[in-house]
Amino acid sequence: MKLSLIALAVATVAAAPALAAGDAEKGAKEFNKCKACHAIIADDGTAIVKGGKTGPNLYGVVGRKAASEEGFKYGAGLVELGETGLVWDETLIAEYVADPSKFVKEKTGDSAAKSNMTFKLAKGGEDVAAYLASVKPAQ
């Protein structure tokens, strides 16, 4: 019996998807693709990354409730996710940037849901997420 439980545990771990930790340094470089639409502006107004205003400020986004940045008009799908209490973490950000509309559809369960973000980051999402996790207020 003990052997069967150990074998089951080993098989379960082996079958689990491996989530690679992102590299914040690589993510800072990869973020250059994002700054056409997004800026990273600290709470005191310091520009960490000057960028566009099409998308919300991403300073402190990790740990923030979805669709909660003041002064930004989010799409209905993200608003719905925010209302359910979804809070951004590195894994969710990496998943979202890979295919924003697919993410919103899956998380809301609404096949017609869309994201206003049309850009897809085919690879490097985990690095961008690690970088975004590093640009936040001191705690």
C-alpha atoms as a PDB file:
ATOM      1  CA  MET A   1       0.000   0.000   0.000  1.00  0.00           C
ATOM      2  CA  LYS A   2       2.794   2.423   0.916  1.00  0.00           C
ATOM      3  CA  LEU A   3       4.561   1.689  -2.344  1.00  0.00           C
ATOM      4  CA  SER A   4       1.370   2.395  -4.311  1.00  0.00           C
ATOM      5  CA  LEU A   5       0.902   5.765  -2.578  1.00  0.00           C
ATOM      6  CA  ILE A   6       4.513   6.724  -3.265  1.00  0.00           C
ATOM      7  CA  ALA A   7       4.163   5.696  -6.903  1.00  0.00           C
ATOM      8  CA  LEU A   8       0.943   7.697  -7.168  1.00  0.00           C
ATOM      9  CA  ALA A   9       2.611  10.759  -5.626  1.00  0.00           C
ATOM     10  CA  VAL A  10       5.596  10.505  -7.986  1.00  0.00           C
ATOM     11  CA  ALA A  11       3.316  10.074 -11.000  1.00  0.00           C
ATOM     12  CA  THR A  12       1.219  13.065  -9.936  1.00  0.00           C
ATOM     13  CA  VAL A  13       4.262  15.317  -9.576  1.00  0.00           C
ATOM     14  CA  ALA A  14       5.678  14.118 -12.882  1.00  0.00           C
ATOM     15  CA  ALA A  15       2.387  14.807 -14.647  1.00  0.00           C
ATOM     16  CA  ALA A  16       1.975  18.299 -13.193  1.00  0.00           C
ATOM     17  CA  PRO A  17       2.847  21.103 -15.598  1.00  0.00           C
ATOM     18  CA  ALA A  18       6.159  22.755 -14.863  1.00  0.00           C
ATOM     19  CA  LEU A  19       5.799  26.473 -14.423  1.00  0.00           C
ATOM     20  CA  ALA A  20       9.055  28.196 -15.188  1.00  0.00           C
ATOM     21  CA  ALA A  21       9.795  31.148 -12.996  1.00  0.00           C
ATOM     22  CA  GLY A  22      10.162  34.322 -14.978  1.00  0.00           C
ATOM     23  CA  ASP A  23      13.318  36.390 -15.256  1.00  0.00           C
ATOM     24  CA  ALA A  24      12.630  40.026 -14.299  1.00  0.00           C
ATOM     25  CA  GLU A  25      15.737  41.265 -16.138  1.00  0.00           C
ATOM     26  CA  LYS A  26      14.608  39.626 -19.390  1.00  0.00           C
ATOM     27  CA  GLY A  27      11.094  40.879 -18.682  1.00  0.00           C
ATOM     28  CA  ALA A  28      12.314  44.487 -18.476  1.00  0.00           C
ATOM     29  CA  LYS A  29      13.656  44.144 -22.020  1.00  0.00           C
ATOM     30  CA  GLU A  30      10.552  42.286 -23.210  1.00  0.00           C
ATOM     31  CA  PHE A  31       8.381  45.056 -21.745  1.00  0.00           C
ATOM     32  CA  ASN A  32       9.585  47.291 -24.600  1.00  0.00           C
ATOM     33  CA  LYS A  33       6.864  45.597 -26.660  1.00  0.00           C
ATOM     34  CA  CYS A  34       4.280  46.662 -24.079  1.00  0.00           C
ATOM     35  CA  LYS A  35       5.217  50.307 -23.640  1.00  0.00           C
ATOM     36  CA  ALA A  36       3.479  51.345 -26.846  1.00  0.00           C
ATOM     37  CA  CYS A  37       0.281  51.029 -24.800  1.00  0.00           C
ATOM     38  CA  HIS A  38       1.352  50.849 -21.144  1.00  0.00           C
ATOM     39  CA  ALA A  39       3.439  53.029 -18.860  1.00  0.00           C
ATOM     40  CA  ILE A  40       4.809  52.227 -15.441  1.00  0.00           C
ATOM     41  CA  ILE A  41       4.389  55.313 -13.269  1.00  0.00           C
ATOM     42  CA  ALA A  42       5.074  55.131  -9.518  1.00  0.00           C
ATOM     43  CA  ASP A  43       2.540  56.501  -7.058  1.00  0.00           C
ATOM     44  CA  ASP A  44       4.677  59.625  -6.592  1.00  0.00           C
ATOM     45  CA  GLY A  45       4.557  60.321 -10.358  1.00  0.00           C
ATOM     46  CA  THR A  46       8.039  59.014 -11.160  1.00  0.00           C
ATOM     47  CA  ALA A  47       8.108  57.450 -14.619  1.00  0.00           C
ATOM     48  CA  ILE A  48       9.782  54.057 -14.366  1.00  0.00           C
ATOM     49  CA  VAL A  49       8.867  53.340 -17.986  1.00  0.00           C
ATOM     50  CA  LYS A  50       7.413  56.062 -20.144  1.00  0.00           C
ATOM     51  CA  GLY A  51       4.784  54.595 -22.381  1.00  0.00           C
ATOM     52  CA  GLY A  52       1.388  54.909 -23.938  1.00  0.00           C
ATOM     53  CA  LYS A  53      -1.914  55.546 -22.263  1.00  0.00           C
ATOM     54  CA  THR A  54      -4.010  53.133 -24.293  1.00  0.00           C
ATOM     55  CA  GLY A  55      -3.614  50.586 -21.512  1.00  0.00           C
ATOM     56  CA  PRO A  56      -3.596  51.143 -17.751  1.00  0.00           C
ATOM     57  CA  ASN A  57      -0.536  52.039 -15.682  1.00  0.00           C
ATOM     58  CA  LEU A  58       1.066  48.756 -14.669  1.00  0.00           C
ATOM     59  CA  TYR A  59       2.866  49.961 -11.556  1.00  0.00           C
ATOM     60  CA  GLY A  60       1.914  47.612  -8.740  1.00  0.00           C
ATOM     61  CA  VAL A  61      -0.304  45.474 -10.970  1.00  0.00           C
ATOM     62  CA  VAL A  62       0.776  42.228  -9.281  1.00  0.00           C
ATOM     63  CA  GLY A  63      -1.488  41.942  -6.250  1.00  0.00           C
ATOM     64  CA  ARG A  64      -4.044  44.389  -7.649  1.00  0.00           C
ATOM     65  CA  LYS A  65      -7.645  43.447  -8.379  1.00  0.00           C
ATOM     66  CA  ALA A  66      -8.360  43.166 -12.103  1.00  0.00           C
ATOM     67  CA  ALA A  67      -9.847  46.269 -13.753  1.00  0.00           C
ATOM     68  CA  SER A  68      -9.235  48.474 -10.721  1.00  0.00           C
ATOM     69  CA  GLU A  69      -6.779  51.143 -11.915  1.00  0.00           C
ATOM     70  CA  GLU A  70      -8.468  54.499 -11.340  1.00  0.00           C
ATOM     71  CA  GLY A  71      -9.184  56.600 -14.409  1.00  0.00           C
ATOM     72  CA  PHE A  72      -9.009  53.776 -16.940  1.00  0.00           C
ATOM     73  CA  LYS A  73     -11.953  52.408 -18.898  1.00  0.00           C
ATOM     74  CA  TYR A  74     -11.680  48.632 -19.013  1.00  0.00           C
ATOM     75  CA  GLY A  75     -13.492  46.222 -21.295  1.00  0.00           C
ATOM     76  CA  ALA A  76     -16.535  44.419 -19.945  1.00  0.00           C
ATOM     77  CA  GLY A  77     -14.757  41.070 -19.655  1.00  0.00           C
ATOM     78  CA  LEU A  78     -12.037  42.394 -17.354  1.00  0.00           C
ATOM     79  CA  VAL A  79     -14.563  44.402 -15.367  1.00  0.00           C
ATOM     80  CA  GLU A  80     -16.510  41.191 -14.807  1.00  0.00           C
ATOM     81  CA  LEU A  81     -13.355  39.396 -13.674  1.00  0.00           C
ATOM     82  CA  GLY A  82     -12.544  42.227 -11.287  1.00  0.00           C
ATOM     83  CA  GLU A  83     -16.048  42.021  -9.851  1.00  0.00           C
ATOM     84  CA  THR A  84     -15.496  38.324  -9.140  1.00  0.00           C
ATOM     85  CA  GLY A  85     -12.404  39.267  -7.142  1.00  0.00           C
ATOM     86  CA  LEU A  86      -9.684  38.158  -9.560  1.00  0.00           C
ATOM     87  CA  VAL A  87      -6.351  39.528  -8.330  1.00  0.00           C
ATOM     88  CA  TRP A  88      -3.379  39.601 -10.676  1.00  0.00           C
ATOM     89  CA  ASP A  89      -0.427  37.393  -9.837  1.00  0.00           C
ATOM     90  CA  GLU A  90       2.534  36.444 -12.009  1.00  0.00           C
ATOM     91  CA  THR A  91       0.922  33.259 -13.305  1.00  0.00           C
ATOM     92  CA  LEU A  92      -2.304  35.013 -14.310  1.00  0.00           C
ATOM     93  CA  ILE A  93      -0.444  37.869 -16.004  1.00  0.00           C
ATOM     94  CA  ALA A  94       1.692  35.440 -18.017  1.00  0.00           C
ATOM     95  CA  GLU A  95      -1.461  33.576 -19.055  1.00  0.00           C
ATOM     96  CA  TYR A  96      -3.307  36.805 -19.904  1.00  0.00           C
ATOM     97  CA  VAL A  97      -0.598  38.354 -22.092  1.00  0.00           C
ATOM     98  CA  ALA A  98      -0.271  35.155 -24.139  1.00  0.00           C
ATOM     99  CA  ASP A  99      -3.858  35.545 -25.386  1.00  0.00           C
ATOM    100  CA  PRO A 100      -5.980  38.169 -23.600  1.00  0.00           C
ATOM    101  CA  SER A 101      -9.328  37.316 -25.221  1.00  0.00           C
ATOM    102  CA  LYS A 102      -8.887  33.582 -24.665  1.00  0.00           C
ATOM    103  CA  PHE A 103      -8.031  34.319 -21.020  1.00  0.00           C
ATOM    104  CA  VAL A 104     -11.172  36.427 -20.518  1.00  0.00           C
ATOM    105  CA  LYS A 105     -13.366  33.827 -22.243  1.00  0.00           C
ATOM    106  CA  GLU A 106     -11.993  31.005 -20.100  1.00  0.00           C
ATOM    107  CA  LYS A 107     -12.106  32.884 -16.808  1.00  0.00           C
ATOM    108  CA  THR A 108     -15.614  34.313 -17.297  1.00  0.00           C
ATOM    109  CA  GLY A 109     -17.026  31.209 -18.972  1.00  0.00           C
ATOM    110  CA  ASP A 110     -18.469  33.483 -21.674  1.00  0.00           C
ATOM    111  CA  SER A 111     -17.444  32.444 -25.185  1.00  0.00           C
ATOM    112  CA  ALA A 112     -18.373  35.907 -26.481  1.00  0.00           C
ATOM    113  CA  ALA A 113     -16.242  37.792 -23.926  1.00  0.00           C
ATOM    114  CA  LYS A 114     -13.351  39.828 -25.293  1.00  0.00           C
ATOM    115  CA  SER A 115     -10.466  41.798 -23.965  1.00  0.00           C
ATOM    116  CA  ASN A 116      -9.687  45.306 -25.143  1.00  0.00           C
ATOM    117  CA  MET A 117      -6.045  44.216 -25.284  1.00  0.00           C
ATOM    118  CA  THR A 118      -5.480  42.796 -28.746  1.00  0.00           C
ATOM    119  CA  PHE A 119      -1.701  42.313 -28.539  1.00  0.00           C
ATOM    120  CA  LYS A 120      -0.546  38.767 -27.800  1.00  0.00           C
ATOM    121  CA  LEU A 121       2.868  38.068 -26.327  1.00  0.00           C
ATOM    122  CA  ALA A 122       3.633  34.658 -27.811  1.00  0.00           C
ATOM    123  CA  LYS A 123       6.620  34.038 -25.550  1.00  0.00           C
ATOM    124  CA  GLY A 124       8.259  35.766 -22.621  1.00  0.00           C
ATOM    125  CA  GLY A 125       5.047  36.369 -20.685  1.00  0.00           C
ATOM    126  CA  GLU A 126       6.480  34.820 -17.530  1.00  0.00           C
ATOM    127  CA  ASP A 127       9.454  37.194 -17.782  1.00  0.00           C
ATOM    128  CA  VAL A 128       7.221  40.250 -18.219  1.00  0.00           C
ATOM    129  CA  ALA A 129       5.141  39.075 -15.254  1.00  0.00           C
ATOM    130  CA  ALA A 130       8.293  38.727 -13.125  1.00  0.00           C
ATOM    131  CA  TYR A 131       9.352  42.230 -14.161  1.00  0.00           C
ATOM    132  CA  LEU A 132       5.932  43.672 -13.322  1.00  0.00           C
ATOM    133  CA  ALA A 133       6.106  41.955  -9.925  1.00  0.00           C
ATOM    134  CA  SER A 134       9.346  43.852  -9.305  1.00  0.00           C
ATOM    135  CA  VAL A 135       7.896  47.322 -10.001  1.00  0.00           C
ATOM    136  CA  LYS A 136       5.685  47.994  -7.016  1.00  0.00           C
ATOM    137  CA  PRO A 137       5.548  50.124  -3.918  1.00  0.00           C
ATOM    138  CA  ALA A 138       7.948  49.208  -1.114  1.00  0.00           C
ATOM    139  CA  GLN A 139       6.260  47.190   1.595  1.00  0.00           C
END
